[in-house]
Protein backbone atom coordinates (compact mmCIF):
# COMPACT_ATOMS: atom_id res chain seq x y z
CA MET A 1 0.00 0.00 0.00
CA THR A 2 1.35 3.43 -0.91
CA ASP A 3 1.34 6.25 1.60
CA VAL A 4 -1.44 8.04 -0.30
CA GLU A 5 -3.53 4.86 -0.41
CA GLY A 6 -3.16 4.75 3.37
CA LEU A 7 -5.23 7.94 3.58
CA LEU A 8 -8.03 6.53 1.46
CA ASP A 9 -8.49 2.96 2.67
CA GLY A 10 -11.06 3.69 5.37
CA GLN A 11 -8.75 5.48 7.78
CA PHE A 12 -8.92 9.20 8.61
CA THR A 13 -12.65 9.03 9.13
CA LEU A 14 -14.18 11.81 11.20
CA GLY A 15 -16.25 11.94 14.36
CA ILE A 16 -17.24 15.38 15.69
CA GLU A 17 -18.68 16.22 19.11
CA GLU A 18 -20.22 19.64 19.83
CA GLU A 19 -21.24 20.89 23.29
CA PHE A 20 -24.15 23.37 23.29
CA GLN A 21 -25.56 25.80 25.81
CA ILE A 22 -29.28 25.63 26.60
CA VAL A 23 -30.45 29.22 27.06
CA ASP A 24 -33.78 30.67 28.19
CA ALA A 25 -35.17 32.79 25.33
CA GLU A 26 -36.44 35.51 27.70
CA THR A 27 -33.73 35.86 30.33
CA ARG A 28 -30.87 34.69 28.05
CA GLU A 29 -29.52 32.74 31.03
CA LEU A 30 -28.52 29.09 31.04
CA ARG A 31 -31.40 26.77 31.94
CA SER A 32 -31.55 23.19 33.17
CA TYR A 33 -33.42 21.63 30.26
CA VAL A 34 -31.30 18.76 28.99
CA SER A 35 -33.72 16.02 30.14
CA GLU A 36 -36.56 17.61 28.17
CA LEU A 37 -34.41 17.86 25.05
CA ILE A 38 -33.33 14.24 25.26
CA GLU A 39 -36.91 13.09 25.90
CA GLY A 40 -38.13 15.14 22.95
CA GLY A 41 -35.45 13.66 20.73
CA LYS A 42 -36.44 10.03 21.35
CA GLY A 43 -38.69 10.07 18.33
CA HIS A 44 -35.88 11.34 16.10
CA ARG A 45 -33.49 8.58 15.06
CA LEU A 46 -30.37 10.75 14.81
CA LEU A 47 -31.03 12.62 18.06
CA ARG A 48 -31.90 9.42 19.90
CA GLU A 49 -28.51 7.96 18.99
CA ARG A 50 -26.31 11.05 18.96
CA VAL A 51 -27.19 13.37 21.87
CA ARG A 52 -26.35 12.94 25.53
CA PRO A 53 -26.26 14.99 28.71
CA GLU A 54 -23.14 16.49 30.25
CA MET A 55 -22.31 17.28 33.87
CA HIS A 56 -24.49 20.38 34.02
CA GLN A 57 -28.16 20.18 33.05
CA SER A 58 -27.84 23.32 30.92
CA VAL A 59 -25.40 21.53 28.57
CA ILE A 60 -26.14 19.05 25.80
CA GLU A 61 -23.61 17.24 23.63
CA ALA A 62 -24.31 16.16 20.08
CA GLY A 63 -21.94 13.87 18.22
CA THR A 64 -21.85 12.55 14.67
CA GLY A 65 -21.36 8.93 13.83
CA ILE A 66 -18.22 7.70 12.10
CA CYS A 67 -18.18 9.85 8.95
CA ARG A 68 -16.27 8.76 5.87
CA ASP A 69 -15.58 12.35 4.81
CA ILE A 70 -16.23 15.99 5.67
CA ARG A 71 -19.38 16.16 3.54
CA GLN A 72 -21.08 13.39 5.50
CA ALA A 73 -19.94 15.07 8.72
CA ARG A 74 -21.43 18.40 7.64
CA GLY A 75 -24.75 16.74 6.81
CA GLU A 76 -24.99 15.16 10.26
CA LEU A 77 -23.95 18.37 12.01
CA VAL A 78 -26.61 20.35 10.15
CA GLU A 79 -29.30 17.84 11.10
CA LEU A 80 -28.17 17.66 14.74
CA ARG A 81 -28.01 21.42 15.25
CA GLY A 82 -31.21 22.03 13.34
CA SER A 83 -33.18 19.40 15.25
CA LEU A 84 -31.90 20.60 18.63
CA LYS A 85 -32.83 24.15 17.66
CA VAL A 86 -36.42 23.14 16.90
CA LEU A 87 -36.80 21.08 20.08
CA ALA A 88 -35.37 23.87 22.22
CA GLN A 89 -37.69 26.47 20.68
CA GLN A 90 -40.72 24.31 21.49
CA GLY A 91 -39.84 24.70 25.17
CA GLY A 92 -39.01 28.40 25.04
CA MET A 93 -35.28 27.68 24.93
CA ARG A 94 -32.52 28.47 22.47
CA ILE A 95 -29.33 26.62 21.50
CA VAL A 96 -26.05 28.58 21.73
CA ALA A 97 -22.61 27.52 20.53
CA ALA A 98 -19.75 29.22 22.40
CA GLY A 99 -17.01 28.25 24.85
CA THR A 100 -18.58 30.01 27.87
CA HIS A 101 -21.85 31.76 28.63
CA PRO A 102 -21.26 35.52 28.97
CA PHE A 103 -22.86 35.96 32.39
CA SER A 104 -24.54 32.86 33.89
CA ASP A 105 -23.08 31.74 37.23
CA TRP A 106 -21.97 28.13 37.67
CA LYS A 107 -23.14 28.23 41.31
CA THR A 108 -26.79 28.34 40.19
CA GLN A 109 -26.52 25.41 37.75
CA GLU A 110 -27.89 21.96 38.52
CA ILE A 111 -25.69 18.88 38.16
CA THR A 112 -26.97 16.02 36.01
CA ASP A 113 -27.89 12.95 38.03
CA GLY A 114 -25.78 9.91 37.23
CA GLU A 115 -23.08 7.77 38.80
CA ARG A 116 -20.29 9.15 36.59
CA TYR A 117 -21.08 12.79 37.31
CA ARG A 118 -21.59 12.18 41.03
CA GLY A 119 -18.19 10.51 41.13
CA ILE A 120 -16.45 13.40 39.35
CA VAL A 121 -18.06 15.99 41.64
CA GLU A 122 -17.20 13.96 44.74
CA ASP A 123 -13.61 13.70 43.54
CA LEU A 124 -13.06 17.25 42.29
CA GLN A 125 -15.63 19.26 44.29
CA ASP A 126 -15.95 22.92 43.17
CA VAL A 127 -13.37 22.39 40.45
CA ALA A 128 -15.98 20.17 38.76
CA ARG A 129 -19.01 22.28 39.66
CA ALA A 130 -17.37 25.40 38.19
CA ASN A 131 -16.46 23.64 34.96
CA LEU A 132 -19.31 25.27 33.04
CA ILE A 133 -17.58 25.26 29.66
CA PHE A 134 -18.27 24.08 26.13
CA GLY A 135 -15.87 22.56 23.62
CA LEU A 136 -15.46 20.89 20.25
CA HIS A 137 -13.82 17.47 19.98
CA VAL A 138 -12.66 16.03 16.66
CA HIS A 139 -11.82 12.33 16.25
CA VAL A 140 -9.71 11.20 13.29
CA GLY A 141 -9.65 7.48 12.56
CA VAL A 142 -6.23 5.78 12.78
CA ARG A 143 -6.30 1.99 13.04
CA ASP A 144 -2.73 1.24 14.14
CA ARG A 145 -2.15 2.17 17.79
CA GLU A 146 1.55 2.85 17.32
CA VAL A 147 0.85 5.14 14.37
CA ALA A 148 -1.85 6.89 16.39
CA MET A 149 0.61 7.51 19.21
CA ALA A 150 3.25 8.87 16.84
CA LEU A 151 0.74 11.25 15.23
CA ALA A 152 -0.58 12.38 18.63
CA ASN A 153 3.00 13.23 19.62
CA GLN A 154 3.61 15.26 16.48
CA VAL A 155 0.29 17.12 16.27
CA ARG A 156 0.89 18.69 19.70
CA TYR A 157 2.98 21.47 18.12
CA PHE A 158 -0.01 22.68 16.08
CA LEU A 159 -2.60 22.65 18.86
CA PRO A 160 -2.13 26.35 19.79
CA HIS A 161 -2.69 27.30 16.15
CA ILE A 162 -5.97 25.36 16.13
CA LEU A 163 -7.06 26.82 19.47
CA ALA A 164 -6.45 30.38 18.27
CA LEU A 165 -8.84 29.78 15.34
CA SER A 166 -11.59 28.41 17.61
CA THR A 167 -11.58 30.96 20.45
CA SER A 168 -15.11 31.76 21.60
CA SER A 169 -15.00 32.39 25.36
CA PRO A 170 -14.00 36.01 26.14
CA PHE A 171 -16.49 36.44 29.03
CA TRP A 172 -16.93 34.80 32.42
CA LEU A 173 -19.47 35.56 35.17
CA GLY A 174 -20.55 38.82 33.59
CA ARG A 175 -17.07 40.17 33.00
CA PRO A 176 -14.71 40.47 30.05
CA SER A 177 -11.93 38.15 31.17
CA GLY A 178 -9.23 39.73 28.99
CA LEU A 179 -8.72 36.31 27.38
CA LYS A 180 -9.94 35.02 24.03
CA SER A 181 -10.32 31.49 25.51
CA THR A 182 -11.40 31.70 29.14
CA ARG A 183 -12.58 28.12 28.75
CA CYS A 184 -9.01 26.79 28.59
CA GLU A 185 -8.02 28.49 31.85
CA ILE A 186 -11.09 27.09 33.63
CA PHE A 187 -10.52 23.58 32.34
CA LYS A 188 -6.84 23.51 33.32
CA ARG A 189 -7.94 23.22 36.96
CA PHE A 190 -8.97 19.64 36.18
CA PRO A 191 -6.24 17.01 36.59
CA ARG A 192 -4.76 15.41 33.49
CA THR A 193 -5.51 18.31 31.14
CA GLY A 194 -3.46 20.54 28.84
CA ILE A 195 -0.72 19.62 26.39
CA PRO A 196 0.44 16.07 27.14
CA GLY A 197 4.03 14.96 27.26
CA ARG A 198 5.56 12.77 24.60
CA PHE A 199 5.08 8.99 24.76
CA GLU A 200 7.69 6.74 23.16
CA SER A 201 5.07 4.17 22.15
CA TYR A 202 1.48 3.19 22.71
CA GLY A 203 2.74 0.63 25.21
CA HIS A 204 4.41 3.46 27.13
CA PHE A 205 1.08 5.30 27.24
CA GLN A 206 -0.77 2.14 28.31
CA ARG A 207 1.64 1.59 31.18
CA PHE A 208 1.00 5.16 32.32
CA VAL A 209 -2.77 4.52 32.26
CA ASP A 210 -2.40 1.21 34.10
CA LEU A 211 -0.33 2.86 36.84
CA LEU A 212 -2.93 5.58 37.46
CA VAL A 213 -5.75 3.04 37.55
CA ARG A 214 -3.84 0.65 39.80
CA THR A 215 -3.00 3.43 42.28
CA GLY A 216 -6.57 4.75 42.43
CA CYS A 217 -5.94 8.07 40.64
CA MET A 218 -8.74 7.28 38.19
CA ASP A 219 -10.98 4.34 37.37
CA ASN A 220 -10.39 4.34 33.60
CA ALA A 221 -8.65 6.26 30.83
CA LYS A 222 -11.76 8.34 30.06
CA LYS A 223 -10.59 10.59 32.87
CA ILE A 224 -7.58 11.66 30.85
CA TRP A 225 -8.69 14.99 29.40
CA TRP A 226 -5.59 16.11 27.51
CA ASP A 227 -5.79 18.46 24.52
CA VAL A 228 -4.93 15.48 22.32
CA ARG A 229 -5.01 11.80 23.07
CA ALA A 230 -4.71 8.51 21.26
CA HIS A 231 -8.15 7.39 22.31
CA PRO A 232 -8.02 4.47 24.75
CA PHE A 233 -11.24 2.85 23.50
CA PHE A 234 -11.64 3.93 19.85
CA ASP A 235 -9.23 3.66 16.94
CA THR A 236 -8.87 7.44 16.75
CA VAL A 237 -6.70 10.38 17.67
CA GLU A 238 -8.91 12.92 19.44
CA ILE A 239 -8.22 16.66 19.34
CA ARG A 240 -9.88 18.30 22.36
CA ILE A 241 -8.29 21.76 22.56
CA CYS A 242 -10.95 23.78 20.70
CA ASP A 243 -13.48 26.17 22.16
CA MET A 244 -16.96 25.51 20.81
CA PRO A 245 -17.20 27.41 17.48
CA THR A 246 -20.36 29.46 17.11
CA ARG A 247 -20.90 29.05 13.37
CA LEU A 248 -21.43 25.63 11.82
CA ASP A 249 -19.08 26.50 8.95
CA ASP A 250 -16.29 27.11 11.45
CA THR A 251 -16.79 23.71 13.09
CA VAL A 252 -16.62 22.07 9.66
CA ALA A 253 -13.53 24.08 8.68
CA LEU A 254 -11.69 23.19 11.90
CA ALA A 255 -12.57 19.52 11.54
CA ALA A 256 -11.30 19.58 7.95
CA LEU A 257 -8.09 21.27 9.11
CA VAL A 258 -7.55 18.67 11.83
CA GLN A 259 -8.13 15.84 9.35
CA ALA A 260 -5.79 17.37 6.75
CA LEU A 261 -3.11 17.98 9.38
CA MET A 262 -3.30 14.42 10.66
CA GLY A 263 -3.18 13.20 7.05
CA LYS A 264 -0.09 15.26 6.28
CA LEU A 265 1.70 14.04 9.40
CA TYR A 266 0.83 10.48 8.39
CA LEU A 267 2.33 11.01 4.93
CA LEU A 268 5.54 12.29 6.53
CA TYR A 269 5.55 9.35 8.94
CA ARG A 270 5.20 6.85 6.06
CA ARG A 271 8.08 8.59 4.25
CA ASN A 272 10.29 8.51 7.37
CA LEU A 273 10.13 12.31 7.52
CA GLY A 274 8.42 12.82 10.86
CA PHE A 275 7.69 16.40 11.94
CA ARG A 276 10.08 17.72 14.55
CA GLU A 277 8.77 17.31 18.09
CA TYR A 278 9.09 20.00 20.76
CA ARG A 279 8.95 19.90 24.53
CA GLN A 280 5.59 20.09 26.27
CA GLU A 281 6.70 23.21 28.15
CA LEU A 282 7.42 25.09 24.91
CA ILE A 283 4.10 24.17 23.36
CA GLU A 284 2.34 25.33 26.55
CA GLU A 285 3.93 28.75 26.06
CA ASN A 286 2.28 28.99 22.67
CA LYS A 287 -1.00 27.71 24.07
CA TRP A 288 -1.03 30.56 26.59
CA ARG A 289 -0.51 33.06 23.78
CA ALA A 290 -3.47 31.56 21.89
CA VAL A 291 -5.59 31.68 25.06
CA ARG A 292 -4.74 35.33 25.66
CA TYR A 293 -4.75 36.84 22.18
CA GLY A 294 -6.33 34.34 19.76
CA ILE A 295 -5.55 35.08 16.12
CA ASP A 296 -4.46 38.63 16.99
CA GLY A 297 -1.39 37.39 18.82
CA GLN A 298 1.97 35.90 18.01
CA LEU A 299 3.29 32.40 18.58
CA ILE A 300 6.88 31.32 18.90
CA ASP A 301 8.41 29.65 15.86
CA PHE A 302 10.77 27.40 17.79
CA GLY A 303 12.79 26.55 14.71
CA LYS A 304 13.50 30.24 14.02
CA GLN A 305 13.38 31.09 17.75
CA GLU A 306 11.32 34.21 17.13
CA GLN A 307 7.74 35.47 17.45
CA VAL A 308 5.55 35.20 14.35
CA PRO A 309 1.97 36.53 13.93
CA VAL A 310 -0.67 33.82 14.24
CA ARG A 311 -2.24 34.79 10.93
CA LEU A 312 1.06 34.21 9.15
CA LEU A 313 1.61 30.87 10.88
CA VAL A 314 -1.91 29.69 10.01
CA GLY A 315 -1.25 30.63 6.40
CA GLU A 316 1.88 28.48 6.51
CA LEU A 317 -0.15 25.67 8.11
CA LEU A 318 -2.65 25.76 5.26
CA GLU A 319 0.21 25.43 2.78
CA PHE A 320 1.66 22.59 4.85
CA VAL A 321 -1.58 20.54 4.65
CA GLN A 322 -2.35 21.30 1.01
CA GLU A 323 -1.26 17.86 -0.23
CA SER A 324 -3.50 15.92 2.13
CA ALA A 325 -6.40 18.40 1.70
CA GLU A 326 -6.32 17.69 -2.04
CA ILE A 327 -6.39 13.95 -1.35
CA PHE A 328 -9.36 14.35 1.01
CA GLY A 329 -11.03 16.89 -1.29
CA THR A 330 -11.46 19.47 1.47
CA GLN A 331 -10.00 22.59 -0.16
CA ASP A 332 -13.37 24.36 -0.06
CA GLU A 333 -13.80 23.72 3.66
CA LEU A 334 -10.26 24.93 4.39
CA ALA A 335 -10.98 28.15 2.50
CA ARG A 336 -13.18 29.07 5.47
CA ILE A 337 -10.06 29.13 7.68
CA ARG A 338 -8.88 32.16 5.72
CA GLY A 339 -12.32 33.65 6.30
CA ILE A 340 -11.83 33.29 10.06
CA LEU A 341 -8.46 35.05 9.75
CA ASP A 342 -10.12 37.91 7.87
CA GLU A 343 -13.32 38.26 9.93
CA GLY A 344 -12.12 37.20 13.37
CA THR A 345 -13.24 34.37 15.62
CA SER A 346 -16.42 34.11 17.67
CA ALA A 347 -14.53 35.66 20.60
CA ASP A 348 -13.69 38.68 18.47
CA ARG A 349 -17.31 39.06 17.36
CA GLN A 350 -18.64 38.76 20.93
CA LEU A 351 -16.24 41.44 22.13
CA ALA A 352 -17.29 43.72 19.27
CA VAL A 353 -21.00 43.27 20.09
CA TYR A 354 -20.35 44.03 23.76
CA ALA A 355 -18.22 47.08 22.91
CA ARG A 356 -21.04 48.38 20.72
CA THR A 357 -23.96 47.67 23.08
CA GLY A 358 -22.54 47.33 26.59
CA ARG A 359 -25.05 44.51 27.17
CA PHE A 360 -24.33 40.84 27.69
CA GLU A 361 -27.90 40.04 26.64
CA ALA A 362 -27.08 41.49 23.23
CA VAL A 363 -24.07 39.20 23.04
CA VAL A 364 -26.29 36.18 23.77
CA ASP A 365 -28.84 37.32 21.17
CA ASP A 366 -26.10 37.52 18.56
CA LEU A 367 -24.76 34.11 19.59
CA ILE A 368 -28.24 32.61 19.17
CA GLU A 369 -28.46 34.05 15.67
CA GLN A 370 -24.93 33.04 14.65
CA SER A 371 -25.39 29.52 16.02
CA SER A 372 -28.16 29.00 13.44
CA VAL A 373 -26.24 30.27 10.42
CA GLY A 374 -25.90 27.53 7.82
CA LEU A 375 -28.82 25.41 9.03
């Protein structure tokens, strides 16, 4: 099998998980309504199979199935968002896609009943209760565990670039936080989060997991919440660093970028030309810059040892993945990445609405509208 054939033989499938806010249409505050949405979705095949509650009752997660390409993924995302929107409206609610709610307080939110969530809250206490955040997770299918581990190691360098493009959480508890991704700073209080270290092999990773389970640190590997992980139960590499994009087109573009990047790294791996790996601590420096400034900031080019504007680096990233994007046929979806660079991210738009109106309710209204674009 040639290296290109390796991209097209049923690998590099996509699975996309989106976490949505459930918002009261009148007050614009988060509302505990997930049980009603799930009950209402039982008569809808896709919703019945693809939506589930999260820790807080004002959060609902919708996930695609295993999609052979980005076009199938888009179709499922459109149907999931559209159906949730209709069900929410029937109960006087609205669906919002963003990394944090601009002003709702985590202390007033109800926790979803269930053994898993009770266990997390008992273990982490207010760290878990305050984790009122919303993200996008993208799974890329890789069958060989050793290959998956090698790609997870290499893709770490690009995670700050991807985060900068997805930023959508500039507010927290009714305040501008000064960050483009407040969500990342809230989530880092959880254990086993952030940029992971490098693992020499999948066996090395498995021994790490076994040690933590054996010593009672966690009961299974689902409680590893790193920004990227070779998934312990699925044949995928999962990218978890993104804020929840507001517009559907941005979710699709980011998923296409993740797939093309993983494909390009695989081609290099098959040609014995692996991408240079950098220390976790260095990548965390770039992650902080993405958290703080989004696409308006600069990241460190560690090869050149100098700061480079994010927009320039993302342009270079798009050139880097061009070969695999052509193989996957996702050039049109990646064109939207340049649109994000031109127009700004959801965080930039939210800040502009707040600067213009001075009202967080206006920000929520705009988020409601933008979350429906493309449906």
